[in-house]
């Protein structure tokens, strides 16, 4: 990876959702606004400061570049395109990282 780019693998469970009333909402259903997606970080560039491999990140799926590596589909993002980071290393006392 180069500069501040990160390579992520989109969560497989991000497809269908279930409403609070139990109605299944398919992944292809149109939403009123933009919907952000979660992904797991696979690799990071040398200048990425706040993200490490294994973290989960929240990003806008419309601002992505997909790449296929050995038959697996990944997404390449700039670190500035990450909206939130969820990581075990942050601990329970931390509020999170600010990007």
Protein backbone atom coordinates (compact mmCIF):
# COMPACT_ATOMS: atom_id res chain seq x y z
CA UNK A 1 0.00 0.00 0.00
CA UNK A 2 1.19 3.53 -0.71
CA UNK A 3 0.98 6.73 1.32
CA UNK A 4 -2.22 7.04 3.41
CA UNK A 5 -4.19 4.39 1.53
CA UNK A 6 -5.83 1.45 3.27
CA UNK A 7 -7.05 -1.87 1.87
CA UNK A 8 -10.31 -3.11 3.35
CA UNK A 9 -12.54 -6.16 2.97
CA UNK A 10 -16.26 -5.36 3.11
CA UNK A 11 -18.16 -7.20 5.85
CA UNK A 12 -20.13 -10.12 4.46
CA UNK A 13 -23.03 -9.54 6.88
CA UNK A 14 -23.64 -6.06 5.44
CA UNK A 15 -26.22 -7.41 2.99
CA UNK A 16 -29.72 -7.95 4.30
CA UNK A 17 -30.92 -6.09 7.38
CA UNK A 18 -33.86 -6.67 9.66
CA UNK A 19 -36.07 -3.81 10.88
CA UNK A 20 -37.10 -3.46 14.52
CA UNK A 21 -40.47 -4.98 13.55
CA UNK A 22 -38.79 -8.06 12.05
CA UNK A 23 -39.17 -7.14 8.36
CA UNK A 24 -36.22 -8.25 6.20
CA UNK A 25 -34.79 -5.41 4.12
CA UNK A 26 -32.70 -6.69 1.16
CA UNK A 27 -29.33 -5.14 0.36
CA UNK A 28 -30.72 -3.92 -2.98
CA UNK A 29 -33.48 -1.83 -1.36
CA UNK A 30 -33.19 1.87 -2.14
CA UNK A 31 -32.56 4.05 0.89
CA UNK A 32 -33.68 7.67 1.17
CA UNK A 33 -30.13 8.91 1.73
CA UNK A 34 -26.63 7.60 1.57
CA UNK A 35 -25.82 4.59 3.72
CA UNK A 36 -22.32 4.07 5.10
CA UNK A 37 -20.71 0.62 5.17
CA UNK A 38 -18.42 -1.24 7.60
CA UNK A 39 -15.27 -3.03 6.45
CA UNK A 40 -12.27 -4.74 8.06
CA UNK A 41 -8.80 -3.27 7.39
CA UNK A 42 -6.47 -5.75 5.69
CA UNK A 43 -3.42 -3.57 4.92
CA UNK A 44 -2.32 0.03 5.50
CA UNK A 45 0.16 2.36 3.83
CA UNK A 46 3.18 3.74 5.71
CA UNK A 47 1.57 7.16 6.26
CA UNK A 48 -1.73 5.91 7.70
CA UNK A 49 -1.74 7.18 11.29
CA UNK A 50 -5.03 6.16 12.90
CA UNK A 51 -5.85 2.81 11.33
CA UNK A 52 -4.18 -0.58 11.79
CA UNK A 53 -4.81 -3.98 10.20
CA UNK A 54 -7.71 -5.73 11.93
CA UNK A 55 -9.62 -2.52 12.72
CA UNK A 56 -13.16 -2.02 11.42
CA UNK A 57 -13.81 1.24 9.57
CA UNK A 58 -16.95 3.06 8.47
CA UNK A 59 -16.86 4.59 4.98
CA UNK A 60 -19.07 5.83 2.15
CA UNK A 61 -19.39 3.04 -0.46
CA UNK A 62 -19.71 5.58 -3.26
CA UNK A 63 -16.16 6.87 -2.58
CA UNK A 64 -14.39 3.58 -3.16
CA UNK A 65 -12.12 1.87 -5.66
CA UNK A 66 -12.59 -1.90 -5.86
CA UNK A 67 -9.74 -4.27 -6.65
CA UNK A 68 -9.61 -8.04 -6.99
CA UNK A 69 -6.62 -9.81 -5.43
CA UNK A 70 -6.31 -13.59 -5.87
CA UNK A 71 -10.06 -13.91 -6.43
CA UNK A 72 -11.02 -11.85 -3.35
CA UNK A 73 -12.70 -8.45 -3.69
CA UNK A 74 -11.16 -5.58 -1.69
CA UNK A 75 -11.66 -1.81 -1.55
CA UNK A 76 -8.88 0.80 -1.57
CA UNK A 77 -9.58 3.98 0.43
CA UNK A 78 -7.69 7.03 1.55
CA UNK A 79 -7.51 7.38 5.31
CA UNK A 80 -9.32 10.74 5.05
CA UNK A 81 -12.37 8.92 3.59
CA UNK A 82 -12.84 6.91 6.79
CA UNK A 83 -15.70 8.22 8.96
CA UNK A 84 -15.11 6.08 12.07
CA UNK A 85 -12.77 3.43 13.47
CA UNK A 86 -13.82 0.53 15.70
CA UNK A 87 -10.89 -1.36 17.24
CA UNK A 88 -10.28 -3.64 20.21
CA UNK A 89 -7.04 -1.77 20.92
CA UNK A 90 -8.98 1.35 21.91
CA UNK A 91 -10.27 -0.26 25.11
CA UNK A 92 -13.49 0.55 26.93
CA UNK A 93 -12.27 3.78 28.51
CA UNK A 94 -11.44 5.44 25.20
CA UNK A 95 -13.97 7.39 23.15
CA UNK A 96 -12.34 6.55 19.80
CA UNK A 97 -10.00 8.07 17.31
CA UNK A 98 -10.57 11.39 15.62
CA UNK A 99 -9.60 11.44 11.95
